[in-house]
Amino acid sequence: MAFEGWIASLSNGETVFEEWIPGQPSPWLRLLQRLEEEGLAVTQLRLQVRGRTYCCIPHADAYFQAHRTSMSLYGKQRGFLRGIGSVVGDTVYILWVNEQGDCWQEVRRA
């Protein structure tokens, strides 16, 4: 099975892949802890879903990642979304990707 998840390029040249480890904090929290402890920064964030790679703006001020479930009017789960985003100034550019690999962009104020 091909890798699916976020991929972060770090300021030291290393690449970190999203990896869920039972009993450990989420991969994103572990990444944030490491960045703080080692004085590193993310320089690029990508997301792989269904064999496609989606990219954020490189060297942004900050990055964002999220999961979202959409629900029907009757409370049944309709779909699962993954999101990655770039923060530039006071604007967040989010790229949402659904389970089928369809994507769209959302722009929010930070």
N, C-alpha and C. Protein backbone atom coordinates (compact mmCIF):
# COMPACT_ATOMS: atom_id res chain seq x y z
N MET A 1 0.85 -1.19 0.00
CA MET A 1 0.00 0.00 0.00
C MET A 1 0.89 1.25 0.00
N ALA A 2 0.56 2.21 -0.82
CA ALA A 2 1.35 3.43 -0.94
C ALA A 2 1.13 4.33 0.28
N PHE A 3 2.14 5.11 0.60
CA PHE A 3 2.06 6.05 1.72
C PHE A 3 0.96 7.07 1.46
N GLU A 4 0.20 7.39 2.50
CA GLU A 4 -0.76 8.49 2.48
C GLU A 4 -0.58 9.30 3.74
N GLY A 5 -0.52 10.61 3.62
CA GLY A 5 -0.38 11.49 4.76
C GLY A 5 0.45 12.71 4.40
N TRP A 6 0.75 13.52 5.43
CA TRP A 6 1.53 14.71 5.16
C TRP A 6 3.02 14.38 5.15
N ILE A 7 3.76 15.24 4.45
CA ILE A 7 5.21 15.13 4.35
C ILE A 7 5.76 16.53 4.59
N ALA A 8 6.62 16.66 5.57
CA ALA A 8 7.18 17.97 5.92
C ALA A 8 8.67 18.01 5.59
N SER A 9 9.08 19.05 4.88
CA SER A 9 10.51 19.31 4.65
C SER A 9 10.95 20.27 5.75
N LEU A 10 12.07 19.95 6.38
CA LEU A 10 12.56 20.76 7.49
C LEU A 10 13.74 21.63 7.08
N SER A 11 13.99 22.64 7.88
CA SER A 11 15.06 23.60 7.59
C SER A 11 16.45 22.98 7.63
N ASN A 12 16.60 21.79 8.21
CA ASN A 12 17.90 21.11 8.22
C ASN A 12 18.06 20.17 7.03
N GLY A 13 17.08 20.17 6.10
CA GLY A 13 17.15 19.33 4.90
C GLY A 13 16.47 17.99 5.05
N GLU A 14 16.04 17.66 6.25
CA GLU A 14 15.38 16.37 6.50
C GLU A 14 13.93 16.39 6.03
N THR A 15 13.42 15.22 5.68
CA THR A 15 12.02 15.05 5.31
C THR A 15 11.36 14.15 6.36
N VAL A 16 10.21 14.59 6.88
CA VAL A 16 9.50 13.84 7.91
C VAL A 16 8.14 13.43 7.35
N PHE A 17 7.80 12.15 7.52
CA PHE A 17 6.53 11.61 7.05
C PHE A 17 5.58 11.41 8.21
N GLU A 18 4.30 11.69 7.99
CA GLU A 18 3.28 11.44 9.01
C GLU A 18 3.30 9.96 9.37
N GLU A 19 3.47 9.66 10.65
CA GLU A 19 3.51 8.28 11.10
C GLU A 19 2.78 8.17 12.43
N TRP A 20 1.70 7.40 12.43
CA TRP A 20 0.93 7.18 13.64
C TRP A 20 1.55 6.05 14.43
N ILE A 21 1.86 6.30 15.71
CA ILE A 21 2.47 5.31 16.59
C ILE A 21 1.54 5.13 17.79
N PRO A 22 1.01 3.91 17.99
CA PRO A 22 0.10 3.68 19.12
C PRO A 22 0.73 4.11 20.44
N GLY A 23 -0.06 4.80 21.26
CA GLY A 23 0.40 5.25 22.57
C GLY A 23 1.22 6.52 22.55
N GLN A 24 1.47 7.08 21.38
CA GLN A 24 2.25 8.30 21.24
C GLN A 24 1.33 9.46 20.87
N PRO A 25 1.77 10.70 21.11
CA PRO A 25 1.00 11.85 20.63
C PRO A 25 0.85 11.78 19.10
N SER A 26 -0.04 12.58 18.56
CA SER A 26 -0.25 12.58 17.10
C SER A 26 1.05 12.93 16.39
N PRO A 27 1.19 12.52 15.14
CA PRO A 27 2.40 12.86 14.40
C PRO A 27 2.64 14.37 14.31
N TRP A 28 1.57 15.15 14.17
CA TRP A 28 1.71 16.61 14.08
C TRP A 28 2.24 17.18 15.39
N LEU A 29 1.70 16.72 16.52
CA LEU A 29 2.20 17.19 17.82
C LEU A 29 3.65 16.80 18.03
N ARG A 30 4.02 15.59 17.63
CA ARG A 30 5.42 15.17 17.75
C ARG A 30 6.32 16.05 16.88
N LEU A 31 5.85 16.38 15.68
CA LEU A 31 6.63 17.27 14.81
C LEU A 31 6.81 18.64 15.45
N LEU A 32 5.72 19.21 15.97
CA LEU A 32 5.81 20.53 16.61
C LEU A 32 6.77 20.52 17.79
N GLN A 33 6.74 19.45 18.60
CA GLN A 33 7.66 19.33 19.74
C GLN A 33 9.11 19.32 19.24
N ARG A 34 9.35 18.54 18.22
CA ARG A 34 10.71 18.43 17.68
C ARG A 34 11.20 19.76 17.12
N LEU A 35 10.33 20.46 16.40
CA LEU A 35 10.71 21.76 15.85
C LEU A 35 11.15 22.70 16.97
N GLU A 36 10.37 22.72 18.03
CA GLU A 36 10.69 23.61 19.17
C GLU A 36 11.98 23.19 19.85
N GLU A 37 12.12 21.89 20.13
CA GLU A 37 13.30 21.40 20.85
C GLU A 37 14.59 21.60 20.06
N GLU A 38 14.53 21.44 18.74
CA GLU A 38 15.74 21.49 17.92
C GLU A 38 15.92 22.80 17.17
N GLY A 39 14.99 23.75 17.37
CA GLY A 39 15.10 25.05 16.70
C GLY A 39 14.97 24.96 15.19
N LEU A 40 14.13 24.04 14.72
CA LEU A 40 13.93 23.85 13.28
C LEU A 40 12.64 24.50 12.82
N ALA A 41 12.45 24.53 11.52
CA ALA A 41 11.21 25.06 10.93
C ALA A 41 10.81 24.17 9.76
N VAL A 42 9.53 24.17 9.46
CA VAL A 42 9.03 23.50 8.25
C VAL A 42 9.23 24.48 7.09
N THR A 43 9.79 23.99 5.99
CA THR A 43 10.01 24.84 4.82
C THR A 43 9.07 24.50 3.68
N GLN A 44 8.42 23.35 3.77
CA GLN A 44 7.46 22.92 2.74
C GLN A 44 6.59 21.82 3.35
N LEU A 45 5.31 21.83 3.04
CA LEU A 45 4.38 20.80 3.51
C LEU A 45 3.64 20.25 2.30
N ARG A 46 3.60 18.93 2.22
CA ARG A 46 2.90 18.26 1.13
C ARG A 46 1.94 17.23 1.71
N LEU A 47 1.00 16.79 0.90
CA LEU A 47 0.03 15.77 1.31
C LEU A 47 -0.09 14.76 0.19
N GLN A 48 0.04 13.48 0.53
CA GLN A 48 -0.16 12.43 -0.46
C GLN A 48 -1.48 11.72 -0.16
N VAL A 49 -2.34 11.65 -1.17
CA VAL A 49 -3.62 10.97 -1.08
C VAL A 49 -3.87 10.26 -2.41
N ARG A 50 -4.14 8.96 -2.35
CA ARG A 50 -4.48 8.16 -3.54
C ARG A 50 -3.46 8.33 -4.67
N GLY A 51 -2.18 8.33 -4.30
CA GLY A 51 -1.12 8.39 -5.30
C GLY A 51 -0.83 9.77 -5.85
N ARG A 52 -1.52 10.79 -5.35
CA ARG A 52 -1.28 12.17 -5.80
C ARG A 52 -0.61 12.95 -4.69
N THR A 53 0.24 13.90 -5.07
CA THR A 53 0.91 14.75 -4.10
C THR A 53 0.41 16.18 -4.27
N TYR A 54 -0.04 16.78 -3.18
CA TYR A 54 -0.53 18.16 -3.16
C TYR A 54 0.46 18.98 -2.34
N CYS A 55 0.79 20.17 -2.82
CA CYS A 55 1.84 20.98 -2.19
C CYS A 55 1.32 22.31 -1.66
N CYS A 56 1.88 22.71 -0.53
CA CYS A 56 1.63 24.04 0.03
C CYS A 56 2.64 25.03 -0.56
N ILE A 57 2.44 26.28 -0.23
CA ILE A 57 3.37 27.32 -0.63
C ILE A 57 4.68 27.10 0.14
N PRO A 58 5.81 27.00 -0.56
CA PRO A 58 7.08 26.79 0.14
C PRO A 58 7.51 28.05 0.91
N HIS A 59 8.20 27.82 2.01
CA HIS A 59 8.77 28.88 2.86
C HIS A 59 7.70 29.87 3.34
N ALA A 60 6.52 29.35 3.66
CA ALA A 60 5.44 30.18 4.22
C ALA A 60 5.79 30.57 5.65
N ASP A 61 5.01 31.48 6.22
CA ASP A 61 5.23 31.91 7.61
C ASP A 61 4.93 30.79 8.59
N ALA A 62 3.96 29.94 8.26
CA ALA A 62 3.58 28.80 9.10
C ALA A 62 2.79 27.83 8.24
N TYR A 63 2.50 26.66 8.81
CA TYR A 63 1.74 25.63 8.08
C TYR A 63 0.61 25.10 8.93
N PHE A 64 -0.33 24.47 8.26
CA PHE A 64 -1.58 24.01 8.87
C PHE A 64 -1.88 22.62 8.33
N GLN A 65 -2.41 21.74 9.18
CA GLN A 65 -2.91 20.45 8.70
C GLN A 65 -4.12 20.10 9.54
N ALA A 66 -5.07 19.41 8.91
CA ALA A 66 -6.31 19.08 9.62
C ALA A 66 -6.98 17.88 8.97
N HIS A 67 -7.89 17.29 9.73
CA HIS A 67 -8.80 16.27 9.24
C HIS A 67 -10.20 16.80 9.48
N ARG A 68 -11.12 16.46 8.60
CA ARG A 68 -12.50 16.92 8.78
C ARG A 68 -13.44 15.86 8.24
N THR A 69 -14.52 15.61 8.97
CA THR A 69 -15.55 14.68 8.53
C THR A 69 -16.78 15.50 8.17
N SER A 70 -17.34 15.23 7.01
CA SER A 70 -18.57 15.92 6.64
C SER A 70 -19.74 15.01 7.00
N MET A 71 -20.83 15.60 7.42
CA MET A 71 -22.00 14.84 7.87
C MET A 71 -23.21 15.20 7.02
N SER A 72 -24.11 14.25 6.88
CA SER A 72 -25.36 14.50 6.18
C SER A 72 -26.34 15.17 7.14
N LEU A 73 -27.47 15.58 6.63
CA LEU A 73 -28.51 16.18 7.48
C LEU A 73 -29.02 15.20 8.52
N TYR A 74 -28.87 13.91 8.28
CA TYR A 74 -29.38 12.88 9.18
C TYR A 74 -28.32 12.34 10.12
N GLY A 75 -27.17 13.00 10.17
CA GLY A 75 -26.12 12.62 11.11
C GLY A 75 -25.25 11.47 10.66
N LYS A 76 -25.38 11.06 9.42
CA LYS A 76 -24.54 9.98 8.91
C LYS A 76 -23.28 10.58 8.28
N GLN A 77 -22.16 9.89 8.48
CA GLN A 77 -20.91 10.37 7.90
C GLN A 77 -20.99 10.31 6.39
N ARG A 78 -20.60 11.39 5.73
CA ARG A 78 -20.64 11.44 4.28
C ARG A 78 -19.26 11.36 3.66
N GLY A 79 -18.26 11.83 4.37
CA GLY A 79 -16.93 11.81 3.78
C GLY A 79 -15.87 12.28 4.75
N PHE A 80 -14.64 11.97 4.41
CA PHE A 80 -13.50 12.33 5.23
C PHE A 80 -12.58 13.21 4.39
N LEU A 81 -12.16 14.32 4.95
CA LEU A 81 -11.30 15.27 4.25
C LEU A 81 -9.98 15.42 4.98
N ARG A 82 -8.92 15.63 4.21
CA ARG A 82 -7.63 15.99 4.76
C ARG A 82 -7.32 17.39 4.26
N GLY A 83 -6.70 18.19 5.09
CA GLY A 83 -6.35 19.54 4.68
C GLY A 83 -4.93 19.89 5.07
N ILE A 84 -4.27 20.62 4.19
CA ILE A 84 -2.97 21.22 4.50
C ILE A 84 -3.05 22.67 4.08
N GLY A 85 -2.27 23.50 4.74
CA GLY A 85 -2.35 24.90 4.40
C GLY A 85 -1.07 25.66 4.69
N SER A 86 -0.97 26.80 4.03
CA SER A 86 0.15 27.71 4.21
C SER A 86 -0.38 29.00 4.82
N VAL A 87 0.32 29.51 5.82
CA VAL A 87 -0.02 30.79 6.42
C VAL A 87 0.96 31.82 5.86
N VAL A 88 0.40 32.83 5.22
CA VAL A 88 1.21 33.92 4.66
C VAL A 88 0.61 35.21 5.19
N GLY A 89 1.37 35.90 6.05
CA GLY A 89 0.83 37.09 6.72
C GLY A 89 -0.35 36.69 7.57
N ASP A 90 -1.50 37.32 7.33
CA ASP A 90 -2.69 36.99 8.12
C ASP A 90 -3.70 36.17 7.31
N THR A 91 -3.22 35.45 6.30
CA THR A 91 -4.08 34.65 5.45
C THR A 91 -3.64 33.19 5.46
N VAL A 92 -4.62 32.27 5.58
CA VAL A 92 -4.35 30.84 5.52
C VAL A 92 -4.93 30.30 4.22
N TYR A 93 -4.08 29.70 3.41
CA TYR A 93 -4.49 29.08 2.16
C TYR A 93 -4.57 27.57 2.42
N ILE A 94 -5.78 27.03 2.46
CA ILE A 94 -5.98 25.62 2.80
C ILE A 94 -6.36 24.85 1.54
N LEU A 95 -5.72 23.71 1.37
CA LEU A 95 -6.05 22.79 0.29
C LEU A 95 -6.73 21.58 0.91
N TRP A 96 -8.01 21.38 0.60
CA TRP A 96 -8.78 20.24 1.11
C TRP A 96 -8.78 19.14 0.06
N VAL A 97 -8.63 17.89 0.49
CA VAL A 97 -8.63 16.73 -0.40
C VAL A 97 -9.57 15.68 0.19
N ASN A 98 -10.51 15.18 -0.64
CA ASN A 98 -11.42 14.14 -0.14
C ASN A 98 -10.86 12.75 -0.43
N GLU A 99 -11.59 11.74 -0.03
CA GLU A 99 -11.12 10.36 -0.16
C GLU A 99 -10.92 9.93 -1.62
N GLN A 100 -11.61 10.58 -2.52
CA GLN A 100 -11.48 10.26 -3.95
C GLN A 100 -10.30 10.99 -4.61
N GLY A 101 -9.67 11.91 -3.88
CA GLY A 101 -8.55 12.67 -4.43
C GLY A 101 -8.96 13.99 -5.05
N ASP A 102 -10.27 14.34 -4.96
CA ASP A 102 -10.71 15.65 -5.44
C ASP A 102 -10.19 16.71 -4.48
N CYS A 103 -9.81 17.87 -5.00
CA CYS A 103 -9.28 18.90 -4.12
C CYS A 103 -9.88 20.26 -4.45
N TRP A 104 -9.88 21.15 -3.46
CA TRP A 104 -10.32 22.53 -3.64
C TRP A 104 -9.63 23.38 -2.59
N GLN A 105 -9.57 24.68 -2.87
CA GLN A 105 -8.86 25.59 -1.96
C GLN A 105 -9.85 26.45 -1.19
N GLU A 106 -9.48 26.74 0.03
CA GLU A 106 -10.24 27.64 0.90
C GLU A 106 -9.26 28.68 1.41
N VAL A 107 -9.69 29.92 1.49
CA VAL A 107 -8.83 30.99 2.00
C VAL A 107 -9.50 31.58 3.23
N ARG A 108 -8.77 31.66 4.32
CA ARG A 108 -9.30 32.19 5.59
C ARG A 108 -8.35 33.24 6.14
N ARG A 109 -8.87 34.11 6.97
CA ARG A 109 -8.05 35.04 7.73
C ARG A 109 -7.51 34.30 8.96
N ALA A 110 -6.24 34.51 9.26
CA ALA A 110 -5.61 33.83 10.41
C ALA A 110 -6.12 34.40 11.71
